[in-house]
C-alpha atoms as a PDB file:
ATOM      1  CA  MET A   1     -19.514  -4.747  21.313  1.00  0.00           C
ATOM      2  CA  LYS A   2     -17.331  -3.746  18.354  1.00  0.00           C
ATOM      3  CA  LYS A   3     -14.330  -0.949  17.802  1.00  0.00           C
ATOM      4  CA  SER A   4     -13.887   1.265  14.717  1.00  0.00           C
ATOM      5  CA  VAL A   5     -11.168   0.899  12.721  1.00  0.00           C
ATOM      6  CA  SER A   6      -9.568   3.671  10.202  1.00  0.00           C
ATOM      7  CA  ILE A   7      -7.336   3.347   7.936  1.00  0.00           C
ATOM      8  CA  ILE A   8      -6.459   6.003   5.901  1.00  0.00           C
ATOM      9  CA  GLY A   9      -5.009   5.011   2.349  1.00  0.00           C
ATOM     10  CA  GLY A  10      -6.200   2.068   0.971  1.00  0.00           C
ATOM     11  CA  GLY A  11      -2.655   0.538  -0.468  1.00  0.00           C
ATOM     12  CA  PRO A  12      -1.227  -2.951  -0.022  1.00  0.00           C
ATOM     13  CA  ALA A  13      -0.208  -2.297   4.039  1.00  0.00           C
ATOM     14  CA  ALA A  14      -3.802  -1.329   4.679  1.00  0.00           C
ATOM     15  CA  MET A  15      -5.574  -3.679   2.949  1.00  0.00           C
ATOM     16  CA  ALA A  16      -3.203  -6.016   4.921  1.00  0.00           C
ATOM     17  CA  VAL A  17      -4.187  -4.936   8.706  1.00  0.00           C
ATOM     18  CA  ALA A  18      -7.858  -4.506   7.071  1.00  0.00           C
ATOM     19  CA  ALA A  19      -7.861  -8.315   6.107  1.00  0.00           C
ATOM     20  CA  PHE A  20      -5.227  -9.337   9.997  1.00  0.00           C
ATOM     21  CA  LEU A  21      -7.989  -7.623  11.996  1.00  0.00           C
ATOM     22  CA  ASP A  22     -10.764 -10.041  13.993  1.00  0.00           C
ATOM     23  CA  GLN A  23     -14.684  -9.023  12.313  1.00  0.00           C
ATOM     24  CA  GLU A  24     -16.440 -10.049  14.970  1.00  0.00           C
ATOM     25  CA  LYS A  25     -13.666  -7.956  16.985  1.00  0.00           C
ATOM     26  CA  PHE A  26     -13.714  -4.435  15.331  1.00  0.00           C
ATOM     27  CA  ALA A  27     -15.829  -2.468  12.580  1.00  0.00           C
ATOM     28  CA  VAL A  28     -13.170  -1.499   9.833  1.00  0.00           C
ATOM     29  CA  THR A  29     -13.323   1.260   7.945  1.00  0.00           C
ATOM     30  CA  ILE A  30     -10.766   1.610   4.726  1.00  0.00           C
ATOM     31  CA  PHE A  31     -10.661   6.197   3.627  1.00  0.00           C
ATOM     32  CA  GLU A  32      -9.032   6.101   0.358  1.00  0.00           C
ATOM     33  CA  LYS A  33      -8.945   9.424  -2.592  1.00  0.00           C
ATOM     34  CA  LYS A  34      -8.134   7.637  -5.231  1.00  0.00           C
ATOM     35  CA  LYS A  35     -11.225   5.487  -7.192  1.00  0.00           C
ATOM     36  CA  ARG A  36      -8.801   2.382  -6.976  1.00  0.00           C
ATOM     37  CA  SER A  37      -7.219   0.799  -4.079  1.00  0.00           C
ATOM     38  CA  GLY A  38      -4.660  -2.085  -3.330  1.00  0.00           C
ATOM     39  CA  GLU A  39      -1.675  -0.431  -5.786  1.00  0.00           C
ATOM     40  CA  SER A  40       1.442   0.467  -4.082  1.00  0.00           C
ATOM     41  CA  PHE A  41       1.448   3.579  -6.303  1.00  0.00           C
END
């Protein structure tokens, strides 16, 4: 059974954490209020 992980904010650090987590073990959801994510401003 996968564990759920929620990441608040879609900046570069959030993307790095999401990419680092094992997809077999974790179901990752990223919440971002802006239309674009992955930017640092």
